[in-house]
């Protein structure tokens, strides 16, 4: 499994933002197609990408914690590398 081979520590999904005005013609067509497929197959409307900004501060806090952890790892690796020289 890919996650195991990469030693994944954590995985989360957050809502994002989808602005119709910022999409190209092809991107708008793809979104419209996904919505049409979901509707024709009676798939929950939650599976269709809604337009709007659904980002929240929890995703920002999580990203900040990842950055801190990566800085800690980098510092530890630098210290270990310096000690072996």
N, C-alpha and C. Protein backbone atom coordinates (compact mmCIF):
# COMPACT_ATOMS: atom_id res chain seq x y z
N UNK A 1 0.84 -1.18 0.00
CA UNK A 1 0.00 0.00 0.00
C UNK A 1 0.89 1.25 0.00
N UNK A 2 0.49 2.24 -0.77
CA UNK A 2 1.29 3.45 -0.91
C UNK A 2 1.48 4.18 0.42
N UNK A 3 0.43 4.33 1.19
CA UNK A 3 0.53 5.05 2.47
C UNK A 3 1.56 4.40 3.39
N UNK A 4 1.56 3.08 3.43
CA UNK A 4 2.52 2.37 4.30
C UNK A 4 3.95 2.55 3.79
N UNK A 5 4.14 2.50 2.48
CA UNK A 5 5.49 2.65 1.95
C UNK A 5 6.04 4.06 2.13
N UNK A 6 5.14 5.04 2.23
CA UNK A 6 5.57 6.43 2.44
C UNK A 6 5.64 6.80 3.92
N UNK A 7 5.27 5.86 4.78
CA UNK A 7 5.25 6.10 6.24
C UNK A 7 4.35 7.28 6.59
N UNK A 8 3.16 7.26 6.02
CA UNK A 8 2.18 8.32 6.28
C UNK A 8 1.82 8.32 7.75
N UNK A 9 1.83 9.49 8.35
CA UNK A 9 1.50 9.63 9.76
C UNK A 9 0.03 9.96 9.94
N UNK A 10 -0.50 10.78 9.06
CA UNK A 10 -1.87 11.24 9.22
C UNK A 10 -2.43 11.66 7.87
N UNK A 11 -3.74 11.56 7.72
CA UNK A 11 -4.40 11.95 6.48
C UNK A 11 -5.71 12.63 6.85
N UNK A 12 -5.95 13.78 6.28
CA UNK A 12 -7.21 14.48 6.50
C UNK A 12 -7.68 15.09 5.20
N UNK A 13 -8.97 15.26 5.09
CA UNK A 13 -9.54 15.92 3.93
C UNK A 13 -10.31 17.15 4.41
N UNK A 14 -10.13 18.25 3.68
CA UNK A 14 -10.81 19.49 4.02
C UNK A 14 -11.51 20.01 2.77
N UNK A 15 -12.59 20.70 3.00
CA UNK A 15 -13.28 21.35 1.89
C UNK A 15 -12.41 22.49 1.37
N UNK A 16 -12.58 22.81 0.14
CA UNK A 16 -11.79 23.88 -0.46
C UNK A 16 -12.67 24.98 -1.01
N UNK A 17 -12.22 25.60 -2.04
CA UNK A 17 -12.97 26.69 -2.68
C UNK A 17 -13.07 26.39 -4.17
N UNK A 18 -14.24 26.66 -4.72
CA UNK A 18 -14.45 26.47 -6.15
C UNK A 18 -15.20 27.68 -6.66
N UNK A 19 -14.54 28.48 -7.47
CA UNK A 19 -15.11 29.71 -8.00
C UNK A 19 -15.34 29.55 -9.49
N UNK A 20 -16.58 29.63 -9.90
CA UNK A 20 -16.92 29.45 -11.31
C UNK A 20 -16.17 30.48 -12.19
N UNK A 21 -16.02 31.68 -11.67
CA UNK A 21 -15.37 32.75 -12.43
C UNK A 21 -13.89 32.48 -12.67
N UNK A 22 -13.26 31.70 -11.82
CA UNK A 22 -11.83 31.44 -11.96
C UNK A 22 -11.53 30.20 -12.79
N UNK A 23 -12.56 29.47 -13.20
CA UNK A 23 -12.36 28.24 -13.97
C UNK A 23 -12.32 28.54 -15.46
N UNK A 24 -11.53 27.75 -16.16
CA UNK A 24 -11.50 27.86 -17.63
C UNK A 24 -12.77 27.22 -18.18
N UNK A 25 -12.99 27.38 -19.44
CA UNK A 25 -14.16 26.79 -20.10
C UNK A 25 -14.16 25.27 -19.93
N UNK A 26 -13.00 24.64 -20.10
CA UNK A 26 -12.88 23.19 -19.96
C UNK A 26 -13.16 22.77 -18.52
N UNK A 27 -12.62 23.51 -17.55
CA UNK A 27 -12.85 23.17 -16.14
C UNK A 27 -14.33 23.31 -15.77
N UNK A 28 -14.99 24.36 -16.27
CA UNK A 28 -16.43 24.52 -16.00
C UNK A 28 -17.22 23.37 -16.61
N UNK A 29 -16.82 22.94 -17.79
CA UNK A 29 -17.50 21.81 -18.44
C UNK A 29 -17.32 20.53 -17.63
N UNK A 30 -16.13 20.31 -17.07
CA UNK A 30 -15.89 19.13 -16.25
C UNK A 30 -16.75 19.14 -14.99
N UNK A 31 -16.84 20.29 -14.33
CA UNK A 31 -17.66 20.40 -13.12
C UNK A 31 -19.12 20.14 -13.47
N UNK A 32 -19.58 20.73 -14.56
CA UNK A 32 -20.96 20.54 -15.00
C UNK A 32 -21.22 19.07 -15.32
N UNK A 33 -20.25 18.41 -15.94
CA UNK A 33 -20.39 16.99 -16.26
C UNK A 33 -20.49 16.12 -15.02
N UNK A 34 -19.67 16.40 -14.02
CA UNK A 34 -19.71 15.64 -12.76
C UNK A 34 -21.07 15.82 -12.10
N UNK A 35 -21.57 17.05 -12.09
CA UNK A 35 -22.88 17.31 -11.49
C UNK A 35 -23.98 16.57 -12.25
N UNK A 36 -23.89 16.54 -13.57
CA UNK A 36 -24.91 15.86 -14.38
C UNK A 36 -24.87 14.35 -14.15
N UNK A 37 -23.68 13.77 -14.08
CA UNK A 37 -23.55 12.33 -13.82
C UNK A 37 -24.12 11.99 -12.45
N UNK A 38 -23.78 12.78 -11.45
CA UNK A 38 -24.29 12.53 -10.10
C UNK A 38 -25.81 12.60 -10.07
N UNK A 39 -26.38 13.59 -10.78
CA UNK A 39 -27.84 13.74 -10.81
C UNK A 39 -28.49 12.58 -11.54
N UNK A 40 -27.92 12.15 -12.66
CA UNK A 40 -28.52 11.07 -13.46
C UNK A 40 -28.44 9.72 -12.75
N UNK A 41 -27.45 9.56 -11.89
CA UNK A 41 -27.28 8.29 -11.18
C UNK A 41 -27.79 8.37 -9.74
N UNK A 42 -28.53 9.42 -9.43
CA UNK A 42 -29.10 9.63 -8.10
C UNK A 42 -28.03 9.56 -7.01
N UNK A 43 -26.87 10.09 -7.31
CA UNK A 43 -25.79 10.16 -6.32
C UNK A 43 -26.03 11.39 -5.45
N UNK A 44 -25.70 11.28 -4.21
CA UNK A 44 -25.90 12.38 -3.27
C UNK A 44 -25.33 13.68 -3.83
N UNK A 45 -26.06 14.78 -3.67
CA UNK A 45 -25.53 16.07 -4.13
C UNK A 45 -24.26 16.47 -3.39
N UNK A 46 -23.99 15.82 -2.26
CA UNK A 46 -22.75 16.11 -1.55
C UNK A 46 -21.53 15.68 -2.35
N UNK A 47 -21.72 14.77 -3.33
CA UNK A 47 -20.61 14.30 -4.15
C UNK A 47 -20.32 15.26 -5.31
N UNK A 48 -21.24 16.16 -5.58
CA UNK A 48 -21.03 17.13 -6.65
C UNK A 48 -20.27 18.33 -6.10
N UNK A 49 -19.34 18.84 -6.87
CA UNK A 49 -18.56 19.98 -6.36
C UNK A 49 -19.40 21.26 -6.34
N UNK A 50 -19.76 21.76 -5.16
CA UNK A 50 -20.53 23.01 -5.11
C UNK A 50 -19.61 24.22 -5.29
N UNK A 51 -20.17 25.28 -5.85
CA UNK A 51 -19.40 26.52 -5.97
C UNK A 51 -19.44 27.23 -4.63
N UNK A 52 -18.32 27.84 -4.25
CA UNK A 52 -18.26 28.60 -3.01
C UNK A 52 -16.93 28.36 -2.32
N UNK A 53 -16.74 29.03 -1.20
CA UNK A 53 -15.52 28.90 -0.42
C UNK A 53 -15.87 28.20 0.88
N UNK A 54 -15.41 26.98 1.03
CA UNK A 54 -15.75 26.16 2.19
C UNK A 54 -14.52 25.88 3.06
N UNK A 55 -13.45 26.65 2.83
CA UNK A 55 -12.26 26.48 3.65
C UNK A 55 -12.54 26.97 5.06
N UNK A 56 -11.81 26.42 6.02
CA UNK A 56 -11.99 26.86 7.40
C UNK A 56 -10.65 26.91 8.12
N UNK A 57 -10.66 27.45 9.33
CA UNK A 57 -9.41 27.64 10.06
C UNK A 57 -8.81 26.33 10.55
N UNK A 58 -9.60 25.24 10.64
CA UNK A 58 -9.02 23.96 11.07
C UNK A 58 -7.98 23.48 10.08
N UNK A 59 -8.22 23.67 8.80
CA UNK A 59 -7.24 23.24 7.81
C UNK A 59 -5.97 24.08 7.91
N UNK A 60 -6.10 25.37 8.20
CA UNK A 60 -4.92 26.23 8.36
C UNK A 60 -4.11 25.81 9.57
N UNK A 61 -4.79 25.50 10.67
CA UNK A 61 -4.09 25.08 11.89
C UNK A 61 -3.37 23.76 11.65
N UNK A 62 -4.01 22.85 10.92
CA UNK A 62 -3.38 21.56 10.64
C UNK A 62 -2.15 21.76 9.76
N UNK A 63 -2.25 22.61 8.75
CA UNK A 63 -1.11 22.88 7.88
C UNK A 63 0.05 23.51 8.66
N UNK A 64 -0.27 24.39 9.58
CA UNK A 64 0.76 25.00 10.43
C UNK A 64 1.46 23.95 11.28
N UNK A 65 0.69 23.01 11.82
CA UNK A 65 1.30 21.95 12.64
C UNK A 65 2.22 21.06 11.80
N UNK A 66 1.85 20.82 10.55
CA UNK A 66 2.70 20.04 9.65
C UNK A 66 4.01 20.78 9.41
N UNK A 67 3.93 22.08 9.15
CA UNK A 67 5.13 22.88 8.90
C UNK A 67 6.07 22.84 10.11
N UNK A 68 5.51 22.95 11.31
CA UNK A 68 6.34 22.89 12.52
C UNK A 68 7.02 21.54 12.65
N UNK A 69 6.29 20.47 12.38
CA UNK A 69 6.84 19.11 12.49
C UNK A 69 7.96 18.92 11.47
N UNK A 70 7.77 19.41 10.24
CA UNK A 70 8.80 19.29 9.21
C UNK A 70 10.05 20.09 9.57
N UNK A 71 9.85 21.26 10.17
CA UNK A 71 11.01 22.05 10.62
C UNK A 71 11.78 21.29 11.70
N UNK A 72 11.06 20.66 12.61
CA UNK A 72 11.69 19.88 13.68
C UNK A 72 12.49 18.71 13.10
N UNK A 73 11.89 18.02 12.13
CA UNK A 73 12.56 16.88 11.48
C UNK A 73 13.82 17.36 10.76
N UNK A 74 13.71 18.47 10.03
CA UNK A 74 14.87 18.99 9.30
C UNK A 74 15.99 19.38 10.25
N UNK A 75 15.64 20.01 11.36
CA UNK A 75 16.64 20.39 12.36
C UNK A 75 17.32 19.16 12.94
N UNK A 76 16.54 18.14 13.24
CA UNK A 76 17.09 16.89 13.79
C UNK A 76 18.04 16.22 12.81
N UNK A 77 17.66 16.21 11.53
CA UNK A 77 18.51 15.59 10.50
C UNK A 77 19.80 16.38 10.32
N UNK A 78 19.71 17.72 10.37
CA UNK A 78 20.92 18.54 10.25
C UNK A 78 21.87 18.28 11.41
N UNK A 79 21.30 18.21 12.61
CA UNK A 79 22.13 17.95 13.80
C UNK A 79 22.79 16.58 13.72
N UNK A 80 22.05 15.58 13.28
CA UNK A 80 22.60 14.23 13.17
C UNK A 80 23.69 14.19 12.10
N UNK A 81 23.49 14.89 11.00
CA UNK A 81 24.48 14.93 9.91
C UNK A 81 25.74 15.66 10.37
N UNK A 82 25.57 16.76 11.10
CA UNK A 82 26.73 17.52 11.59
C UNK A 82 27.55 16.71 12.59
N UNK A 83 26.87 15.88 13.38
CA UNK A 83 27.56 15.07 14.39
C UNK A 83 28.41 13.97 13.76
N UNK A 84 28.06 13.54 12.54
CA UNK A 84 28.81 12.47 11.88
C UNK A 84 29.99 13.00 11.08
N UNK A 85 30.09 14.28 10.93
CA UNK A 85 31.20 14.85 10.14
C UNK A 85 32.44 15.06 10.96
